[in-house]
């Protein structure tokens, strides 16, 4: 008899290095390496602006599927910019 594969809790990520972002409509998606990308952007002195959000998307695409359509990119850009703003404000203290 085979054992079921335990992938963790359905409501939370059990994969190390994965963190969720929340889109404006409340939907969430898990991204691999988000913490490292945010830290790297902060250490580079990047301000929380639209160009940084685009750079975050480009870096996260290396390990994550992010749709290339303009509407999807706009949702990711807004969610990632909100995430980076919070990160930036905490680190600036």
C-alpha atoms as a PDB file:
ATOM      1  CA  UNK A   1       0.000   0.000   0.000  1.00  0.00           C
ATOM      2  CA  UNK A   2       1.386   3.431  -0.908  1.00  0.00           C
ATOM      3  CA  UNK A   3       1.490   6.281   1.548  1.00  0.00           C
ATOM      4  CA  UNK A   4      -0.147   9.605   0.639  1.00  0.00           C
ATOM      5  CA  UNK A   5       2.227  12.413  -0.182  1.00  0.00           C
ATOM      6  CA  UNK A   6       2.151  15.069   2.539  1.00  0.00           C
ATOM      7  CA  UNK A   7       2.453  18.480   0.913  1.00  0.00           C
ATOM      8  CA  UNK A   8       1.618  20.412   4.060  1.00  0.00           C
ATOM      9  CA  UNK A   9      -1.363  22.419   5.111  1.00  0.00           C
ATOM     10  CA  UNK A  10      -3.740  23.478   2.340  1.00  0.00           C
ATOM     11  CA  UNK A  11      -3.993  26.958   3.811  1.00  0.00           C
ATOM     12  CA  UNK A  12      -0.318  27.694   4.294  1.00  0.00           C
ATOM     13  CA  UNK A  13       2.906  27.083   2.511  1.00  0.00           C
ATOM     14  CA  UNK A  14       5.204  24.415   3.883  1.00  0.00           C
ATOM     15  CA  UNK A  15       7.826  24.892   1.169  1.00  0.00           C
ATOM     16  CA  UNK A  16      10.860  26.805   2.466  1.00  0.00           C
ATOM     17  CA  UNK A  17      11.514  30.070   0.640  1.00  0.00           C
ATOM     18  CA  UNK A  18       7.927  30.489  -0.561  1.00  0.00           C
ATOM     19  CA  UNK A  19       5.932  33.497   0.558  1.00  0.00           C
ATOM     20  CA  UNK A  20       2.546  34.703  -0.595  1.00  0.00           C
ATOM     21  CA  UNK A  21       1.592  38.063  -2.022  1.00  0.00           C
ATOM     22  CA  UNK A  22      -1.969  39.333  -2.120  1.00  0.00           C
ATOM     23  CA  UNK A  23      -3.507  40.869  -5.221  1.00  0.00           C
ATOM     24  CA  UNK A  24      -5.929  43.825  -4.999  1.00  0.00           C
ATOM     25  CA  UNK A  25      -8.925  41.465  -5.351  1.00  0.00           C
ATOM     26  CA  UNK A  26      -7.749  39.365  -2.381  1.00  0.00           C
ATOM     27  CA  UNK A  27      -6.376  36.450  -4.403  1.00  0.00           C
ATOM     28  CA  UNK A  28      -2.997  35.173  -3.275  1.00  0.00           C
ATOM     29  CA  UNK A  29      -0.064  33.497  -4.978  1.00  0.00           C
ATOM     30  CA  UNK A  30       3.074  31.939  -3.530  1.00  0.00           C
ATOM     31  CA  UNK A  31       6.429  33.076  -4.907  1.00  0.00           C
ATOM     32  CA  UNK A  32       9.758  31.330  -4.534  1.00  0.00           C
ATOM     33  CA  UNK A  33      12.595  33.606  -3.450  1.00  0.00           C
ATOM     34  CA  UNK A  34      10.515  36.690  -2.685  1.00  0.00           C
ATOM     35  CA  UNK A  35      12.353  37.476   0.554  1.00  0.00           C
ATOM     36  CA  UNK A  36      15.755  37.299  -1.155  1.00  0.00           C
ATOM     37  CA  UNK A  37      14.609  39.526  -4.026  1.00  0.00           C
ATOM     38  CA  UNK A  38      13.176  42.134  -1.637  1.00  0.00           C
ATOM     39  CA  UNK A  39      16.357  42.130   0.435  1.00  0.00           C
ATOM     40  CA  UNK A  40      18.535  42.463  -2.649  1.00  0.00           C
ATOM     41  CA  UNK A  41      16.512  45.416  -3.964  1.00  0.00           C
ATOM     42  CA  UNK A  42      16.719  47.135  -0.582  1.00  0.00           C
ATOM     43  CA  UNK A  43      20.492  46.620  -0.321  1.00  0.00           C
ATOM     44  CA  UNK A  44      20.847  48.131  -3.809  1.00  0.00           C
ATOM     45  CA  UNK A  45      19.076  51.260  -2.535  1.00  0.00           C
ATOM     46  CA  UNK A  46      16.029  50.827  -4.742  1.00  0.00           C
ATOM     47  CA  UNK A  47      13.078  53.013  -3.810  1.00  0.00           C
ATOM     48  CA  UNK A  48       9.545  51.596  -3.714  1.00  0.00           C
ATOM     49  CA  UNK A  49       8.451  52.820  -7.146  1.00  0.00           C
ATOM     50  CA  UNK A  50       7.153  51.423 -10.414  1.00  0.00           C
ATOM     51  CA  UNK A  51      10.596  50.732 -11.884  1.00  0.00           C
ATOM     52  CA  UNK A  52      11.491  48.671  -8.802  1.00  0.00           C
ATOM     53  CA  UNK A  53       8.241  46.717  -9.109  1.00  0.00           C
ATOM     54  CA  UNK A  54       9.098  45.872 -12.731  1.00  0.00           C
ATOM     55  CA  UNK A  55      12.592  44.779 -11.654  1.00  0.00           C
ATOM     56  CA  UNK A  56      11.096  42.586  -8.907  1.00  0.00           C
ATOM     57  CA  UNK A  57       8.891  40.889 -11.497  1.00  0.00           C
ATOM     58  CA  UNK A  58      11.867  40.275 -13.780  1.00  0.00           C
ATOM     59  CA  UNK A  59      13.922  38.757 -10.953  1.00  0.00           C
ATOM     60  CA  UNK A  60      11.065  36.613  -9.683  1.00  0.00           C
ATOM     61  CA  UNK A  61      10.427  35.229 -13.170  1.00  0.00           C
ATOM     62  CA  UNK A  62      13.695  33.316 -12.856  1.00  0.00           C
ATOM     63  CA  UNK A  63      12.046  30.865 -10.431  1.00  0.00           C
ATOM     64  CA  UNK A  64       8.321  31.577 -10.804  1.00  0.00           C
ATOM     65  CA  UNK A  65       5.729  31.620 -13.538  1.00  0.00           C
ATOM     66  CA  UNK A  66       4.417  35.165 -13.919  1.00  0.00           C
ATOM     67  CA  UNK A  67       2.165  35.654 -16.946  1.00  0.00           C
ATOM     68  CA  UNK A  68       3.467  38.091 -19.550  1.00  0.00           C
ATOM     69  CA  UNK A  69       0.095  39.644 -20.355  1.00  0.00           C
ATOM     70  CA  UNK A  70      -0.272  43.340 -19.563  1.00  0.00           C
ATOM     71  CA  UNK A  71      -3.240  42.819 -17.172  1.00  0.00           C
ATOM     72  CA  UNK A  72      -1.406  40.098 -15.219  1.00  0.00           C
ATOM     73  CA  UNK A  73       1.784  42.140 -15.019  1.00  0.00           C
ATOM     74  CA  UNK A  74      -0.197  45.114 -13.723  1.00  0.00           C
ATOM     75  CA  UNK A  75      -1.653  42.964 -10.913  1.00  0.00           C
ATOM     76  CA  UNK A  76       1.766  41.592  -9.987  1.00  0.00           C
ATOM     77  CA  UNK A  77       3.324  45.062 -10.188  1.00  0.00           C
ATOM     78  CA  UNK A  78       0.759  46.493  -7.762  1.00  0.00           C
ATOM     79  CA  UNK A  79       0.970  43.558  -5.337  1.00  0.00           C
ATOM     80  CA  UNK A  80       4.774  43.486  -5.366  1.00  0.00           C
ATOM     81  CA  UNK A  81       5.031  47.251  -4.980  1.00  0.00           C
ATOM     82  CA  UNK A  82       2.762  47.085  -1.913  1.00  0.00           C
ATOM     83  CA  UNK A  83       4.878  44.252  -0.515  1.00  0.00           C
ATOM     84  CA  UNK A  84       8.125  46.119  -1.155  1.00  0.00           C
ATOM     85  CA  UNK A  85       6.753  49.347   0.378  1.00  0.00           C
ATOM     86  CA  UNK A  86       5.997  47.487   3.615  1.00  0.00           C
ATOM     87  CA  UNK A  87       9.409  45.799   3.548  1.00  0.00           C
ATOM     88  CA  UNK A  88      11.159  49.100   2.793  1.00  0.00           C
ATOM     89  CA  UNK A  89       9.452  50.976   5.631  1.00  0.00           C
ATOM     90  CA  UNK A  90      10.302  48.279   8.167  1.00  0.00           C
ATOM     91  CA  UNK A  91      13.951  48.138   7.085  1.00  0.00           C
ATOM     92  CA  UNK A  92      14.357  51.950   7.021  1.00  0.00           C
ATOM     93  CA  UNK A  93      13.556  52.210  10.748  1.00  0.00           C
END
